[in-house]
């Protein structure tokens, strides 16, 4: 159930209009219809990109040739929509969410590479935590269900803030994501993880000290976004996007919106502890179908009537 919260609309047009703008030479439709543009074909190319591309530490918007956003990086963006007296403690919320989860939910065993640990929380009927190395689709571990529910509850002000920013950046996309979320929640137990009126993402990824190699998010909405934010104490770990010619230095309180299905991206090495939160929706959840139950089960959300 969504918590009681003040409805807040961010008047961000003036703020966004002052941000440095970069333009791609293709339209959004052209990018969606072309084959995936793989630019990192070897370890040498990966090293070249992560060592030579300029590092972006300030606000940046990259658009297509027809003015659609490809990437929006907001430095300190998680604090931007709020007046001083209203600002939620975003960073402490993120830190608390991670620590509370780790205190009751032992992580899956890592591979020999200690950085190769990826956990993903999905909107599941039993609120199970879904890991890269550990998949539990039973209902036996009740404490894990509670842990993930508490994670979403703790993150409610963060989710609210991301929704506010998303609406200001691309209102048609926000409306589409929000409507799709509400449609699924009416027919599934997704509502059990609904703690903010701004909920519009069906899936939350939590990546703990994980370095991603070059990839596209091929299952995400074709013209959709991911919202990316981090916490912890780390240095390095820039998000490298070769096609746009940038490395994004994402730090706590920053937020990045990106069309990750269209743009190859990877993470540079880092030191310290890095926790990344990734909000997104998969493409199959947007496809028109009367069989909502099958759509929901495809991401692990069971029909509430079962």
C-alpha atoms as a PDB file:
ATOM      1  CA  UNK A   1       0.000   0.000   0.000  1.00  0.00           C
ATOM      2  CA  UNK A   2       1.369   3.438  -0.932  1.00  0.00           C
ATOM      3  CA  UNK A   3       2.399   5.479   2.064  1.00  0.00           C
ATOM      4  CA  UNK A   4       0.788   8.848   2.764  1.00  0.00           C
ATOM      5  CA  UNK A   5       2.845  11.437   0.912  1.00  0.00           C
ATOM      6  CA  UNK A   6       2.477  14.978  -0.290  1.00  0.00           C
ATOM      7  CA  UNK A   7       1.844  15.167  -4.037  1.00  0.00           C
ATOM      8  CA  UNK A   8       4.756  17.085  -5.418  1.00  0.00           C
ATOM      9  CA  UNK A   9       5.202  18.289  -8.985  1.00  0.00           C
ATOM     10  CA  UNK A  10       8.662  19.397  -9.960  1.00  0.00           C
ATOM     11  CA  UNK A  11       8.720  22.535 -12.102  1.00  0.00           C
ATOM     12  CA  UNK A  12      11.988  21.585 -13.720  1.00  0.00           C
ATOM     13  CA  UNK A  13      11.754  23.170 -17.190  1.00  0.00           C
ATOM     14  CA  UNK A  14      13.890  26.140 -16.219  1.00  0.00           C
ATOM     15  CA  UNK A  15      16.405  23.889 -14.484  1.00  0.00           C
ATOM     16  CA  UNK A  16      16.643  21.509 -17.446  1.00  0.00           C
ATOM     17  CA  UNK A  17      16.898  24.371 -19.964  1.00  0.00           C
ATOM     18  CA  UNK A  18      20.165  25.489 -18.347  1.00  0.00           C
ATOM     19  CA  UNK A  19      21.855  22.090 -18.673  1.00  0.00           C
ATOM     20  CA  UNK A  20      24.575  21.474 -21.239  1.00  0.00           C
ATOM     21  CA  UNK A  21      23.043  19.844 -24.321  1.00  0.00           C
ATOM     22  CA  UNK A  22      24.612  17.352 -26.714  1.00  0.00           C
ATOM     23  CA  UNK A  23      22.863  15.996 -29.818  1.00  0.00           C
ATOM     24  CA  UNK A  24      23.124  12.628 -31.551  1.00  0.00           C
ATOM     25  CA  UNK A  25      22.957  12.580 -35.356  1.00  0.00           C
ATOM     26  CA  UNK A  26      20.166   9.969 -35.534  1.00  0.00           C
ATOM     27  CA  UNK A  27      16.484  10.206 -34.662  1.00  0.00           C
ATOM     28  CA  UNK A  28      14.964   7.991 -31.977  1.00  0.00           C
ATOM     29  CA  UNK A  29      13.141   5.942 -34.611  1.00  0.00           C
ATOM     30  CA  UNK A  30      16.380   5.392 -36.534  1.00  0.00           C
ATOM     31  CA  UNK A  31      18.161   4.238 -33.396  1.00  0.00           C
ATOM     32  CA  UNK A  32      15.328   1.856 -32.504  1.00  0.00           C
ATOM     33  CA  UNK A  33      15.241   0.305 -35.991  1.00  0.00           C
ATOM     34  CA  UNK A  34      18.977  -0.112 -36.565  1.00  0.00           C
ATOM     35  CA  UNK A  35      21.009  -3.178 -35.508  1.00  0.00           C
ATOM     36  CA  UNK A  36      22.672  -2.823 -32.121  1.00  0.00           C
ATOM     37  CA  UNK A  37      25.765  -0.669 -32.538  1.00  0.00           C
ATOM     38  CA  UNK A  38      28.547  -2.647 -30.854  1.00  0.00           C
ATOM     39  CA  UNK A  39      31.571  -0.397 -30.446  1.00  0.00           C
ATOM     40  CA  UNK A  40      33.579  -2.366 -27.871  1.00  0.00           C
ATOM     41  CA  UNK A  41      34.775  -5.495 -29.654  1.00  0.00           C
ATOM     42  CA  UNK A  42      37.946  -6.239 -27.717  1.00  0.00           C
ATOM     43  CA  UNK A  43      39.565  -5.761 -24.321  1.00  0.00           C
ATOM     44  CA  UNK A  44      41.883  -3.214 -25.929  1.00  0.00           C
ATOM     45  CA  UNK A  45      38.945  -1.127 -27.157  1.00  0.00           C
ATOM     46  CA  UNK A  46      37.289  -1.346 -23.742  1.00  0.00           C
ATOM     47  CA  UNK A  47      40.490  -0.104 -22.075  1.00  0.00           C
ATOM     48  CA  UNK A  48      40.799   2.680 -24.645  1.00  0.00           C
ATOM     49  CA  UNK A  49      37.281   3.973 -24.011  1.00  0.00           C
ATOM     50  CA  UNK A  50      37.503   3.839 -20.237  1.00  0.00           C
ATOM     51  CA  UNK A  51      40.858   5.615 -20.202  1.00  0.00           C
ATOM     52  CA  UNK A  52      40.397   8.284 -22.869  1.00  0.00           C
ATOM     53  CA  UNK A  53      36.768   9.417 -23.044  1.00  0.00           C
ATOM     54  CA  UNK A  54      36.048  12.649 -21.175  1.00  0.00           C
ATOM     55  CA  UNK A  55      34.590  12.248 -17.676  1.00  0.00           C
ATOM     56  CA  UNK A  56      31.297  14.067 -17.125  1.00  0.00           C
ATOM     57  CA  UNK A  57      30.922  15.443 -13.602  1.00  0.00           C
ATOM     58  CA  UNK A  58      28.239  18.080 -14.271  1.00  0.00           C
ATOM     59  CA  UNK A  59      24.682  18.035 -15.608  1.00  0.00           C
ATOM     60  CA  UNK A  60      24.341  16.729 -19.156  1.00  0.00           C
ATOM     61  CA  UNK A  61      21.469  15.996 -21.528  1.00  0.00           C
ATOM     62  CA  UNK A  62      21.998  14.068 -24.768  1.00  0.00           C
ATOM     63  CA  UNK A  63      19.153  14.083 -27.283  1.00  0.00           C
ATOM     64  CA  UNK A  64      18.441  12.442 -30.615  1.00  0.00           C
ATOM     65  CA  UNK A  65      18.350  14.559 -33.773  1.00  0.00           C
ATOM     66  CA  UNK A  66      14.574  14.937 -33.312  1.00  0.00           C
ATOM     67  CA  UNK A  67      14.894  16.172 -29.730  1.00  0.00           C
ATOM     68  CA  UNK A  68      14.110  13.010 -27.759  1.00  0.00           C
ATOM     69  CA  UNK A  69      16.192  12.421 -24.642  1.00  0.00           C
ATOM     70  CA  UNK A  70      18.786   9.641 -24.842  1.00  0.00           C
ATOM     71  CA  UNK A  71      20.545  10.396 -21.583  1.00  0.00           C
ATOM     72  CA  UNK A  72      19.886  12.809 -18.726  1.00  0.00           C
ATOM     73  CA  UNK A  73      22.541  13.089 -16.012  1.00  0.00           C
ATOM     74  CA  UNK A  74      21.565  15.220 -13.038  1.00  0.00           C
ATOM     75  CA  UNK A  75      24.370  16.071 -10.627  1.00  0.00           C
ATOM     76  CA  UNK A  76      22.776  16.072  -7.169  1.00  0.00           C
ATOM     77  CA  UNK A  77      19.508  15.395  -8.953  1.00  0.00           C
ATOM     78  CA  UNK A  78      17.972  13.399  -6.115  1.00  0.00           C
ATOM     79  CA  UNK A  79      17.866  16.590  -4.046  1.00  0.00           C
ATOM     80  CA  UNK A  80      16.835  18.959  -6.858  1.00  0.00           C
ATOM     81  CA  UNK A  81      13.001  18.656  -6.700  1.00  0.00           C
ATOM     82  CA  UNK A  82      12.797  19.465  -3.000  1.00  0.00           C
ATOM     83  CA  UNK A  83      12.845  22.728  -1.126  1.00  0.00           C
ATOM     84  CA  UNK A  84      15.400  22.801   1.667  1.00  0.00           C
ATOM     85  CA  UNK A  85      12.867  22.120   4.409  1.00  0.00           C
ATOM     86  CA  UNK A  86      11.328  19.196   2.483  1.00  0.00           C
ATOM     87  CA  UNK A  87      14.431  17.298   1.383  1.00  0.00           C
ATOM     88  CA  UNK A  88      14.264  13.624   2.326  1.00  0.00           C
ATOM     89  CA  UNK A  89      17.475  11.992   3.536  1.00  0.00           C
ATOM     90  CA  UNK A  90      18.115  10.212   0.249  1.00  0.00           C
ATOM     91  CA  UNK A  91      21.656   9.013   0.881  1.00  0.00           C
ATOM     92  CA  UNK A  92      20.905   7.726   4.378  1.00  0.00           C
ATOM     93  CA  UNK A  93      17.811   5.980   3.009  1.00  0.00           C
ATOM     94  CA  UNK A  94      19.884   4.168   0.384  1.00  0.00           C
ATOM     95  CA  UNK A  95      22.556   3.190   2.900  1.00  0.00           C
ATOM     96  CA  UNK A  96      19.922   1.957   5.357  1.00  0.00           C
ATOM     97  CA  UNK A  97      18.171  -0.043   2.644  1.00  0.00           C
ATOM     98  CA  UNK A  98      21.393  -1.871   1.782  1.00  0.00           C
ATOM     99  CA  UNK A  99      22.515  -2.493   5.351  1.00  0.00           C
ATOM    100  CA  UNK A 100      19.090  -3.675   6.526  1.00  0.00           C
ATOM    101  CA  UNK A 101      18.897  -6.107   3.627  1.00  0.00           C
ATOM    102  CA  UNK A 102      22.403  -7.468   4.168  1.00  0.00           C
ATOM    103  CA  UNK A 103      21.769  -7.924   7.883  1.00  0.00           C
ATOM    104  CA  UNK A 104      19.034 -10.507   7.259  1.00  0.00           C
ATOM    105  CA  UNK A 105      19.670 -11.747   3.735  1.00  0.00           C
ATOM    106  CA  UNK A 106      22.985 -13.475   3.198  1.00  0.00           C
ATOM    107  CA  UNK A 107      24.287 -12.802  -0.314  1.00  0.00           C
ATOM    108  CA  UNK A 108      24.817 -15.635  -2.802  1.00  0.00           C
ATOM    109  CA  UNK A 109      28.329 -17.005  -3.003  1.00  0.00           C
ATOM    110  CA  UNK A 110      30.498 -14.960  -5.337  1.00  0.00           C
ATOM    111  CA  UNK A 111      32.600 -16.258  -8.193  1.00  0.00           C
ATOM    112  CA  UNK A 112      36.425 -16.226  -7.894  1.00  0.00           C
ATOM    113  CA  UNK A 113      36.232 -12.600  -8.990  1.00  0.00           C
ATOM    114  CA  UNK A 114      34.946 -10.942  -5.820  1.00  0.00           C
ATOM    115  CA  UNK A 115      33.419  -8.094  -7.829  1.00  0.00           C
ATOM    116  CA  UNK A 116      31.224 -10.446  -9.845  1.00  0.00           C
ATOM    117  CA  UNK A 117      28.253 -10.292  -7.482  1.00  0.00           C
ATOM    118  CA  UNK A 118      24.903  -9.173  -8.849  1.00  0.00           C
ATOM    119  CA  UNK A 119      21.648  -9.234  -6.952  1.00  0.00           C
ATOM    120  CA  UNK A 120      18.344  -8.309  -8.462  1.00  0.00           C
ATOM    121  CA  UNK A 121      15.124  -7.578  -6.648  1.00  0.00           C
ATOM    122  CA  UNK A 122      12.064  -8.222  -8.781  1.00  0.00           C
ATOM    123  CA  UNK A 123       8.420  -7.517  -8.077  1.00  0.00           C
ATOM    124  CA  UNK A 124       7.394 -11.020  -7.056  1.00  0.00           C
ATOM    125  CA  UNK A 125       4.168 -12.151  -5.416  1.00  0.00           C
ATOM    126  CA  UNK A 126       6.089 -13.536  -2.437  1.00  0.00           C
ATOM    127  CA  UNK A 127       8.500 -10.565  -2.502  1.00  0.00           C
ATOM    128  CA  UNK A 128      11.459 -12.901  -2.987  1.00  0.00           C
ATOM    129  CA  UNK A 129      14.933 -11.616  -3.551  1.00  0.00           C
ATOM    130  CA  UNK A 130      16.243 -12.884  -6.882  1.00  0.00           C
ATOM    131  CA  UNK A 131      19.999 -13.366  -7.183  1.00  0.00           C
ATOM    132  CA  UNK A 132      22.431 -14.088  -9.968  1.00  0.00           C
ATOM    133  CA  UNK A 133      23.695 -17.218  -8.324  1.00  0.00           C
ATOM    134  CA  UNK A 134      20.759 -18.064  -6.080  1.00  0.00           C
ATOM    135  CA  UNK A 135      17.231 -18.523  -7.374  1.00  0.00           C
ATOM    136  CA  UNK A 136      14.542 -19.429  -4.858  1.00  0.00           C
ATOM    137  CA  UNK A 137      11.009 -19.605  -6.226  1.00  0.00           C
ATOM    138  CA  UNK A 138       9.544 -21.329  -3.157  1.00  0.00           C
ATOM    139  CA  UNK A 139       7.730 -19.634  -0.298  1.00  0.00           C
ATOM    140  CA  UNK A 140       9.721 -21.205   2.510  1.00  0.00           C
ATOM    141  CA  UNK A 141      12.068 -18.342   3.485  1.00  0.00           C
ATOM    142  CA  UNK A 142       9.597 -15.862   4.939  1.00  0.00           C
ATOM    143  CA  UNK A 143      12.286 -13.647   6.401  1.00  0.00           C
ATOM    144  CA  UNK A 144      13.552 -12.969   2.889  1.00  0.00           C
ATOM    145  CA  UNK A 145      10.094 -11.909   1.770  1.00  0.00           C
ATOM    146  CA  UNK A 146       9.965  -9.463   4.661  1.00  0.00           C
ATOM    147  CA  UNK A 147      13.481  -8.229   3.896  1.00  0.00           C
ATOM    148  CA  UNK A 148      12.608  -7.270   0.335  1.00  0.00           C
ATOM    149  CA  UNK A 149       9.306  -5.716   1.385  1.00  0.00           C
ATOM    150  CA  UNK A 150      11.194  -3.622   3.941  1.00  0.00           C
ATOM    151  CA  UNK A 151      13.704  -2.675   1.249  1.00  0.00           C
ATOM    152  CA  UNK A 152      10.949  -1.207  -0.924  1.00  0.00           C
ATOM    153  CA  UNK A 153       9.364   0.493   2.073  1.00  0.00           C
ATOM    154  CA  UNK A 154      12.672   2.144   3.058  1.00  0.00           C
ATOM    155  CA  UNK A 155      13.226   3.285  -0.527  1.00  0.00           C
ATOM    156  CA  UNK A 156       9.779   4.901  -0.875  1.00  0.00           C
ATOM    157  CA  UNK A 157      11.056   8.530  -0.707  1.00  0.00           C
ATOM    158  CA  UNK A 158      13.769   7.617  -3.242  1.00  0.00           C
ATOM    159  CA  UNK A 159      11.195   6.049  -5.563  1.00  0.00           C
ATOM    160  CA  UNK A 160       8.998   9.123  -5.160  1.00  0.00           C
ATOM    161  CA  UNK A 161      11.877  11.452  -6.065  1.00  0.00           C
ATOM    162  CA  UNK A 162      12.828   9.437  -9.161  1.00  0.00           C
ATOM    163  CA  UNK A 163       9.207   9.496 -10.304  1.00  0.00           C
ATOM    164  CA  UNK A 164       9.068  13.287  -9.875  1.00  0.00           C
ATOM    165  CA  UNK A 165      12.231  13.718 -11.935  1.00  0.00           C
ATOM    166  CA  UNK A 166      11.092  11.234 -14.588  1.00  0.00           C
ATOM    167  CA  UNK A 167       7.838  13.131 -15.116  1.00  0.00           C
ATOM    168  CA  UNK A 168       9.754  16.394 -15.512  1.00  0.00           C
ATOM    169  CA  UNK A 169      12.212  14.906 -17.998  1.00  0.00           C
ATOM    170  CA  UNK A 170       9.807  12.943 -20.222  1.00  0.00           C
ATOM    171  CA  UNK A 171       6.165  13.176 -19.146  1.00  0.00           C
ATOM    172  CA  UNK A 172       4.742  10.927 -21.917  1.00  0.00           C
ATOM    173  CA  UNK A 173       7.211   8.179 -20.957  1.00  0.00           C
ATOM    174  CA  UNK A 174       6.443   8.634 -17.259  1.00  0.00           C
ATOM    175  CA  UNK A 175       2.695   8.450 -17.911  1.00  0.00           C
ATOM    176  CA  UNK A 176       3.166   5.258 -19.955  1.00  0.00           C
ATOM    177  CA  UNK A 177       5.312   3.614 -17.282  1.00  0.00           C
ATOM    178  CA  UNK A 178       2.933   4.662 -14.514  1.00  0.00           C
ATOM    179  CA  UNK A 179      -0.162   3.413 -16.368  1.00  0.00           C
ATOM    180  CA  UNK A 180       1.511   0.089 -17.100  1.00  0.00           C
ATOM    181  CA  UNK A 181       2.550  -0.296 -13.457  1.00  0.00           C
ATOM    182  CA  UNK A 182      -0.995   0.407 -12.271  1.00  0.00           C
ATOM    183  CA  UNK A 183      -2.438  -2.037 -14.831  1.00  0.00           C
ATOM    184  CA  UNK A 184      -0.217  -4.839 -13.570  1.00  0.00           C
ATOM    185  CA  UNK A 185      -0.821  -3.973  -9.927  1.00  0.00           C
ATOM    186  CA  UNK A 186      -4.584  -4.360 -10.431  1.00  0.00           C
ATOM    187  CA  UNK A 187      -4.166  -8.003 -11.460  1.00  0.00           C
ATOM    188  CA  UNK A 188      -1.114  -9.153  -9.525  1.00  0.00           C
ATOM    189  CA  UNK A 189       0.562  -8.960  -6.146  1.00  0.00           C
ATOM    190  CA  UNK A 190       2.765  -6.173  -7.421  1.00  0.00           C
ATOM    191  CA  UNK A 191       0.675  -3.906  -5.187  1.00  0.00           C
ATOM    192  CA  UNK A 192       2.425  -5.564  -2.216  1.00  0.00           C
ATOM    193  CA  UNK A 193       5.567  -3.589  -3.076  1.00  0.00           C
ATOM    194  CA  UNK A 194       3.686  -0.346  -3.736  1.00  0.00           C
ATOM    195  CA  UNK A 195       4.828   2.243  -1.175  1.00  0.00           C
ATOM    196  CA  UNK A 196       4.814   5.471  -3.214  1.00  0.00           C
ATOM    197  CA  UNK A 197       2.219   7.118  -5.423  1.00  0.00           C
ATOM    198  CA  UNK A 198       5.094   7.716  -7.840  1.00  0.00           C
ATOM    199  CA  UNK A 199       5.805   4.007  -8.347  1.00  0.00           C
ATOM    200  CA  UNK A 200       6.211   3.361 -12.058  1.00  0.00           C
ATOM    201  CA  UNK A 201       9.032   0.788 -12.291  1.00  0.00           C
ATOM    202  CA  UNK A 202       8.199  -2.909 -12.120  1.00  0.00           C
ATOM    203  CA  UNK A 203      11.756  -4.014 -11.375  1.00  0.00           C
ATOM    204  CA  UNK A 204      14.528  -2.854  -9.065  1.00  0.00           C
ATOM    205  CA  UNK A 205      18.091  -4.077  -9.502  1.00  0.00           C
ATOM    206  CA  UNK A 206      20.573  -3.878  -6.632  1.00  0.00           C
ATOM    207  CA  UNK A 207      24.151  -4.352  -7.802  1.00  0.00           C
ATOM    208  CA  UNK A 208      26.703  -4.819  -5.057  1.00  0.00           C
ATOM    209  CA  UNK A 209      30.369  -4.214  -5.970  1.00  0.00           C
ATOM    210  CA  UNK A 210      29.652  -5.423  -9.483  1.00  0.00           C
ATOM    211  CA  UNK A 211      31.488  -4.353 -12.635  1.00  0.00           C
ATOM    212  CA  UNK A 212      29.429  -4.792 -15.807  1.00  0.00           C
ATOM    213  CA  UNK A 213      31.183  -5.473 -19.106  1.00  0.00           C
ATOM    214  CA  UNK A 214      30.036  -3.915 -22.408  1.00  0.00           C
ATOM    215  CA  UNK A 215      26.369  -4.722 -23.024  1.00  0.00           C
ATOM    216  CA  UNK A 216      22.911  -3.519 -24.018  1.00  0.00           C
ATOM    217  CA  UNK A 217      19.859  -4.047 -21.785  1.00  0.00           C
ATOM    218  CA  UNK A 218      18.131  -6.086 -24.476  1.00  0.00           C
ATOM    219  CA  UNK A 219      15.030  -7.009 -22.494  1.00  0.00           C
ATOM    220  CA  UNK A 220      14.179  -3.460 -21.443  1.00  0.00           C
ATOM    221  CA  UNK A 221      11.487  -1.356 -23.080  1.00  0.00           C
ATOM    222  CA  UNK A 222      12.573  -0.549 -26.634  1.00  0.00           C
ATOM    223  CA  UNK A 223      12.262   3.209 -26.278  1.00  0.00           C
ATOM    224  CA  UNK A 224      12.298   3.222 -22.492  1.00  0.00           C
ATOM    225  CA  UNK A 225      14.669   4.273 -19.746  1.00  0.00           C
ATOM    226  CA  UNK A 226      16.544   2.983 -16.771  1.00  0.00           C
ATOM    227  CA  UNK A 227      17.090   5.174 -13.729  1.00  0.00           C
ATOM    228  CA  UNK A 228      20.504   4.623 -12.142  1.00  0.00           C
ATOM    229  CA  UNK A 229      21.786   5.823  -8.745  1.00  0.00           C
ATOM    230  CA  UNK A 230      24.550   4.755  -6.374  1.00  0.00           C
ATOM    231  CA  UNK A 231      25.600   4.865  -2.752  1.00  0.00           C
ATOM    232  CA  UNK A 232      28.560   3.626  -0.731  1.00  0.00           C
ATOM    233  CA  UNK A 233      32.164   4.800  -0.551  1.00  0.00           C
ATOM    234  CA  UNK A 234      34.042   4.183  -3.806  1.00  0.00           C
ATOM    235  CA  UNK A 235      36.322   5.825  -6.336  1.00  0.00           C
ATOM    236  CA  UNK A 236      36.304   5.178 -10.075  1.00  0.00           C
ATOM    237  CA  UNK A 237      33.427   3.174 -11.501  1.00  0.00           C
ATOM    238  CA  UNK A 238      32.423   5.646 -14.209  1.00  0.00           C
ATOM    239  CA  UNK A 239      29.670   4.501 -16.573  1.00  0.00           C
ATOM    240  CA  UNK A 240      31.255   4.364 -20.037  1.00  0.00           C
ATOM    241  CA  UNK A 241      29.004   5.010 -23.064  1.00  0.00           C
ATOM    242  CA  UNK A 242      31.224   4.769 -26.175  1.00  0.00           C
ATOM    243  CA  UNK A 243      28.655   5.888 -28.760  1.00  0.00           C
ATOM    244  CA  UNK A 244      28.068   9.137 -26.895  1.00  0.00           C
ATOM    245  CA  UNK A 245      31.777   9.588 -26.219  1.00  0.00           C
ATOM    246  CA  UNK A 246      31.412  10.068 -22.458  1.00  0.00           C
ATOM    247  CA  UNK A 247      32.164   8.553 -19.063  1.00  0.00           C
ATOM    248  CA  UNK A 248      29.565   9.466 -16.436  1.00  0.00           C
ATOM    249  CA  UNK A 249      30.940   9.930 -12.908  1.00  0.00           C
ATOM    250  CA  UNK A 250      27.827   8.861 -10.990  1.00  0.00           C
ATOM    251  CA  UNK A 251      28.099   9.712  -7.282  1.00  0.00           C
ATOM    252  CA  UNK A 252      25.700   9.531  -4.307  1.00  0.00           C
ATOM    253  CA  UNK A 253      22.772  11.994  -4.726  1.00  0.00           C
ATOM    254  CA  UNK A 254      23.209  11.941  -8.538  1.00  0.00           C
ATOM    255  CA  UNK A 255      20.723  10.263 -10.867  1.00  0.00           C
ATOM    256  CA  UNK A 256      21.068   9.088 -14.456  1.00  0.00           C
ATOM    257  CA  UNK A 257      18.216   8.364 -16.865  1.00  0.00           C
ATOM    258  CA  UNK A 258      19.321   6.498 -19.991  1.00  0.00           C
ATOM    259  CA  UNK A 259      17.846   4.521 -22.878  1.00  0.00           C
ATOM    260  CA  UNK A 260      20.002   1.534 -22.034  1.00  0.00           C
ATOM    261  CA  UNK A 261      18.576  -0.793 -24.671  1.00  0.00           C
ATOM    262  CA  UNK A 262      19.798   1.519 -27.433  1.00  0.00           C
ATOM    263  CA  UNK A 263      23.234   2.417 -26.047  1.00  0.00           C
ATOM    264  CA  UNK A 264      26.116   0.068 -25.322  1.00  0.00           C
ATOM    265  CA  UNK A 265      27.515   0.763 -21.859  1.00  0.00           C
ATOM    266  CA  UNK A 266      29.838  -0.674 -19.226  1.00  0.00           C
ATOM    267  CA  UNK A 267      31.362   0.175 -15.879  1.00  0.00           C
ATOM    268  CA  UNK A 268      34.986   1.171 -15.307  1.00  0.00           C
ATOM    269  CA  UNK A 269      36.856  -0.567 -12.454  1.00  0.00           C
ATOM    270  CA  UNK A 270      36.559   0.982  -9.006  1.00  0.00           C
ATOM    271  CA  UNK A 271      37.857   0.627  -5.472  1.00  0.00           C
ATOM    272  CA  UNK A 272      35.838   0.654  -2.257  1.00  0.00           C
ATOM    273  CA  UNK A 273      32.208  -0.321  -1.707  1.00  0.00           C
ATOM    274  CA  UNK A 274      29.723   0.523  -4.448  1.00  0.00           C
ATOM    275  CA  UNK A 275      25.976  -0.159  -4.320  1.00  0.00           C
ATOM    276  CA  UNK A 276      23.976   0.645  -7.451  1.00  0.00           C
ATOM    277  CA  UNK A 277      20.180   0.797  -7.676  1.00  0.00           C
ATOM    278  CA  UNK A 278      18.692   0.306 -11.152  1.00  0.00           C
ATOM    279  CA  UNK A 279      14.986   0.941 -11.849  1.00  0.00           C
ATOM    280  CA  UNK A 280      13.474  -0.359 -15.110  1.00  0.00           C
ATOM    281  CA  UNK A 281      10.640  -2.167 -16.930  1.00  0.00           C
ATOM    282  CA  UNK A 282      10.944  -5.000 -19.439  1.00  0.00           C
ATOM    283  CA  UNK A 283       9.543  -4.674 -22.961  1.00  0.00           C
ATOM    284  CA  UNK A 284       7.237  -7.705 -22.678  1.00  0.00           C
ATOM    285  CA  UNK A 285       5.271  -5.934 -19.942  1.00  0.00           C
ATOM    286  CA  UNK A 286       4.287  -3.167 -22.360  1.00  0.00           C
ATOM    287  CA  UNK A 287       3.048  -5.461 -25.106  1.00  0.00           C
ATOM    288  CA  UNK A 288      -0.703  -5.291 -25.531  1.00  0.00           C
ATOM    289  CA  UNK A 289      -2.291  -8.503 -24.321  1.00  0.00           C
ATOM    290  CA  UNK A 290      -5.381  -9.555 -22.443  1.00  0.00           C
ATOM    291  CA  UNK A 291      -3.298 -12.239 -20.760  1.00  0.00           C
ATOM    292  CA  UNK A 292      -2.003 -10.074 -17.935  1.00  0.00           C
ATOM    293  CA  UNK A 293      -1.370 -13.141 -15.805  1.00  0.00           C
ATOM    294  CA  UNK A 294       1.195 -14.575 -18.252  1.00  0.00           C
ATOM    295  CA  UNK A 295       2.875 -11.194 -18.568  1.00  0.00           C
ATOM    296  CA  UNK A 296       3.146 -10.896 -14.811  1.00  0.00           C
ATOM    297  CA  UNK A 297       4.465 -14.432 -14.369  1.00  0.00           C
ATOM    298  CA  UNK A 298       7.191 -13.702 -16.914  1.00  0.00           C
ATOM    299  CA  UNK A 299       8.849 -11.445 -14.337  1.00  0.00           C
ATOM    300  CA  UNK A 300       7.888 -13.559 -11.362  1.00  0.00           C
ATOM    301  CA  UNK A 301       4.725 -11.675 -10.399  1.00  0.00           C
ATOM    302  CA  UNK A 302       1.900 -14.109  -9.689  1.00  0.00           C
ATOM    303  CA  UNK A 303      -1.765 -13.398 -10.166  1.00  0.00           C
ATOM    304  CA  UNK A 304      -3.319 -12.256  -6.901  1.00  0.00           C
ATOM    305  CA  UNK A 305      -6.276 -14.563  -7.481  1.00  0.00           C
ATOM    306  CA  UNK A 306      -4.132 -17.735  -7.461  1.00  0.00           C
END
